[in-house]
């Protein structure tokens, strides 16, 4: 998965952001399971990228909540 940009995430509506967050979390879960089994070789670097993408999505979600309150 490529790097998600904050500007692109802020343009999405809440439902789409939620789906994107669930998708990224599911992919991270698969990679972590593969790492635990020892079958992960090339995708090791993707784990950190996925964690950062999750943080970006959550940051945009929380910023939107701050704006509305």
N, C-alpha and C. Protein backbone atom coordinates (compact mmCIF):
# COMPACT_ATOMS: atom_id res chain seq x y z
N UNK A 1 0.84 -1.17 0.00
CA UNK A 1 0.00 0.00 0.00
C UNK A 1 0.89 1.24 0.00
N UNK A 2 0.48 2.22 -0.76
CA UNK A 2 1.27 3.43 -0.86
C UNK A 2 0.98 4.36 0.31
N UNK A 3 1.79 5.38 0.41
CA UNK A 3 1.64 6.35 1.49
C UNK A 3 0.37 7.15 1.28
N UNK A 4 -0.42 7.28 2.32
CA UNK A 4 -1.64 8.07 2.24
C UNK A 4 -1.30 9.51 2.60
N UNK A 5 -1.84 10.44 1.85
CA UNK A 5 -1.58 11.85 2.10
C UNK A 5 -2.71 12.45 2.92
N UNK A 6 -2.36 13.33 3.84
CA UNK A 6 -3.34 13.94 4.73
C UNK A 6 -4.38 14.75 3.95
N UNK A 7 -3.94 15.44 2.90
CA UNK A 7 -4.88 16.23 2.10
C UNK A 7 -5.93 15.34 1.45
N UNK A 8 -5.48 14.20 0.93
CA UNK A 8 -6.42 13.27 0.30
C UNK A 8 -7.38 12.70 1.33
N UNK A 9 -6.86 12.40 2.53
CA UNK A 9 -7.71 11.84 3.58
C UNK A 9 -8.74 12.85 4.06
N UNK A 10 -8.36 14.12 4.11
CA UNK A 10 -9.30 15.13 4.59
C UNK A 10 -10.43 15.36 3.60
N UNK A 11 -10.20 15.04 2.33
CA UNK A 11 -11.25 15.18 1.32
C UNK A 11 -12.29 14.07 1.39
N UNK A 12 -11.91 12.93 1.97
CA UNK A 12 -12.84 11.80 2.08
C UNK A 12 -13.88 12.08 3.16
N UNK A 13 -15.06 11.49 3.01
CA UNK A 13 -16.06 11.64 4.07
C UNK A 13 -15.78 10.62 5.17
N UNK A 14 -16.50 10.73 6.27
CA UNK A 14 -16.25 9.90 7.44
C UNK A 14 -16.35 8.41 7.18
N UNK A 15 -17.33 8.00 6.39
CA UNK A 15 -17.50 6.59 6.09
C UNK A 15 -16.35 6.01 5.29
N UNK A 16 -15.89 6.79 4.32
CA UNK A 16 -14.77 6.32 3.50
C UNK A 16 -13.50 6.23 4.32
N UNK A 17 -13.30 7.20 5.21
CA UNK A 17 -12.12 7.15 6.09
C UNK A 17 -12.18 5.93 7.00
N UNK A 18 -13.36 5.63 7.50
CA UNK A 18 -13.53 4.46 8.36
C UNK A 18 -13.23 3.17 7.61
N UNK A 19 -13.70 3.08 6.37
CA UNK A 19 -13.41 1.90 5.56
C UNK A 19 -11.92 1.78 5.26
N UNK A 20 -11.30 2.91 4.96
CA UNK A 20 -9.86 2.90 4.67
C UNK A 20 -9.08 2.48 5.91
N UNK A 21 -9.51 2.95 7.09
CA UNK A 21 -8.85 2.59 8.35
C UNK A 21 -8.99 1.09 8.60
N UNK A 22 -10.18 0.55 8.39
CA UNK A 22 -10.39 -0.89 8.58
C UNK A 22 -9.55 -1.70 7.61
N UNK A 23 -9.45 -1.23 6.37
CA UNK A 23 -8.67 -1.92 5.35
C UNK A 23 -7.18 -1.95 5.73
N UNK A 24 -6.66 -0.82 6.18
CA UNK A 24 -5.24 -0.74 6.54
C UNK A 24 -4.96 -1.58 7.78
N UNK A 25 -5.87 -1.55 8.75
CA UNK A 25 -5.69 -2.36 9.96
C UNK A 25 -5.72 -3.85 9.63
N UNK A 26 -6.58 -4.26 8.71
CA UNK A 26 -6.65 -5.67 8.31
C UNK A 26 -5.35 -6.10 7.63
N UNK A 27 -4.83 -5.24 6.79
CA UNK A 27 -3.57 -5.55 6.11
C UNK A 27 -2.42 -5.64 7.11
N UNK A 28 -2.40 -4.73 8.08
CA UNK A 28 -1.38 -4.77 9.12
C UNK A 28 -1.48 -6.05 9.93
N UNK A 29 -2.69 -6.47 10.22
CA UNK A 29 -2.90 -7.71 10.97
C UNK A 29 -2.34 -8.91 10.22
N UNK A 30 -2.58 -8.95 8.90
CA UNK A 30 -2.06 -10.05 8.08
C UNK A 30 -0.54 -10.07 8.09
N UNK A 31 0.06 -8.90 7.96
CA UNK A 31 1.52 -8.83 7.93
C UNK A 31 2.12 -9.21 9.27
N UNK A 32 1.49 -8.79 10.36
CA UNK A 32 1.99 -9.15 11.69
C UNK A 32 1.89 -10.65 11.91
N UNK A 33 0.81 -11.26 11.43
CA UNK A 33 0.67 -12.71 11.56
C UNK A 33 1.75 -13.43 10.76
N UNK A 34 2.03 -12.93 9.57
CA UNK A 34 3.09 -13.52 8.76
C UNK A 34 4.45 -13.36 9.41
N UNK A 35 4.68 -12.24 10.06
CA UNK A 35 5.95 -12.01 10.74
C UNK A 35 6.09 -12.95 11.93
N UNK A 36 5.00 -13.21 12.62
CA UNK A 36 5.04 -14.10 13.78
C UNK A 36 5.32 -15.55 13.35
N UNK A 37 4.81 -15.93 12.18
CA UNK A 37 5.06 -17.28 11.67
C UNK A 37 6.45 -17.40 11.08
N UNK A 38 7.06 -16.28 10.76
CA UNK A 38 8.39 -16.31 10.16
C UNK A 38 8.37 -16.42 8.66
N UNK A 39 7.21 -16.21 8.05
CA UNK A 39 7.10 -16.34 6.60
C UNK A 39 7.23 -14.99 5.89
N UNK A 40 7.50 -13.96 6.63
CA UNK A 40 7.55 -12.61 6.07
C UNK A 40 8.98 -12.25 5.71
N UNK A 41 9.22 -11.89 4.48
CA UNK A 41 10.57 -11.51 4.08
C UNK A 41 10.58 -10.10 3.49
N UNK A 42 9.97 -9.94 2.34
CA UNK A 42 10.03 -8.67 1.62
C UNK A 42 9.15 -7.60 2.26
N UNK A 43 8.09 -8.00 2.91
CA UNK A 43 7.09 -7.06 3.38
C UNK A 43 7.37 -6.49 4.77
N UNK A 44 8.53 -6.75 5.33
CA UNK A 44 8.83 -6.29 6.69
C UNK A 44 8.76 -4.76 6.77
N UNK A 45 9.24 -4.07 5.76
CA UNK A 45 9.22 -2.61 5.76
C UNK A 45 7.82 -2.03 5.66
N UNK A 46 6.88 -2.82 5.19
CA UNK A 46 5.51 -2.32 5.04
C UNK A 46 4.81 -2.17 6.38
N UNK A 47 5.25 -2.89 7.40
CA UNK A 47 4.59 -2.82 8.70
C UNK A 47 4.67 -1.40 9.25
N UNK A 48 5.85 -0.80 9.21
CA UNK A 48 6.00 0.57 9.71
C UNK A 48 5.20 1.55 8.86
N UNK A 49 5.18 1.36 7.55
CA UNK A 49 4.42 2.24 6.67
C UNK A 49 2.93 2.16 6.98
N UNK A 50 2.43 0.95 7.25
CA UNK A 50 1.01 0.79 7.58
C UNK A 50 0.68 1.45 8.91
N UNK A 51 1.58 1.32 9.87
CA UNK A 51 1.36 1.98 11.17
C UNK A 51 1.26 3.49 11.00
N UNK A 52 2.12 4.04 10.16
CA UNK A 52 2.10 5.48 9.91
C UNK A 52 0.83 5.89 9.18
N UNK A 53 0.36 5.06 8.25
CA UNK A 53 -0.89 5.36 7.55
C UNK A 53 -2.07 5.35 8.52
N UNK A 54 -2.08 4.40 9.45
CA UNK A 54 -3.14 4.35 10.46
C UNK A 54 -3.11 5.63 11.30
N UNK A 55 -1.91 6.05 11.69
CA UNK A 55 -1.78 7.27 12.48
C UNK A 55 -2.27 8.49 11.69
N UNK A 56 -1.98 8.55 10.40
CA UNK A 56 -2.44 9.66 9.57
C UNK A 56 -3.96 9.70 9.50
N UNK A 57 -4.57 8.54 9.31
CA UNK A 57 -6.03 8.48 9.22
C UNK A 57 -6.66 8.92 10.54
N UNK A 58 -6.14 8.41 11.65
CA UNK A 58 -6.69 8.77 12.95
C UNK A 58 -6.48 10.25 13.26
N UNK A 59 -5.38 10.81 12.82
CA UNK A 59 -5.12 12.24 13.02
C UNK A 59 -6.16 13.07 12.28
N UNK A 60 -6.46 12.70 11.04
CA UNK A 60 -7.46 13.44 10.27
C UNK A 60 -8.84 13.29 10.90
N UNK A 61 -9.17 12.08 11.36
CA UNK A 61 -10.47 11.85 12.00
C UNK A 61 -10.60 12.71 13.25
N UNK A 62 -9.56 12.73 14.08
CA UNK A 62 -9.61 13.52 15.31
C UNK A 62 -9.63 15.02 15.02
N UNK A 63 -8.94 15.46 13.98
CA UNK A 63 -8.97 16.87 13.61
C UNK A 63 -10.38 17.27 13.16
N UNK A 64 -11.05 16.40 12.43
CA UNK A 64 -12.42 16.68 12.00
C UNK A 64 -13.36 16.77 13.20
N UNK A 65 -13.14 15.89 14.19
CA UNK A 65 -13.96 15.93 15.40
C UNK A 65 -13.74 17.23 16.16
N UNK A 66 -12.49 17.69 16.22
CA UNK A 66 -12.17 18.94 16.91
C UNK A 66 -12.85 20.12 16.22
N UNK A 67 -12.89 20.11 14.90
CA UNK A 67 -13.50 21.21 14.15
C UNK A 67 -15.00 21.28 14.40
N UNK A 68 -15.65 20.14 14.53
CA UNK A 68 -17.10 20.14 14.68
C UNK A 68 -17.54 20.49 16.09
N UNK A 69 -16.67 20.34 17.06
CA UNK A 69 -17.07 20.67 18.44
C UNK A 69 -16.66 22.04 18.84
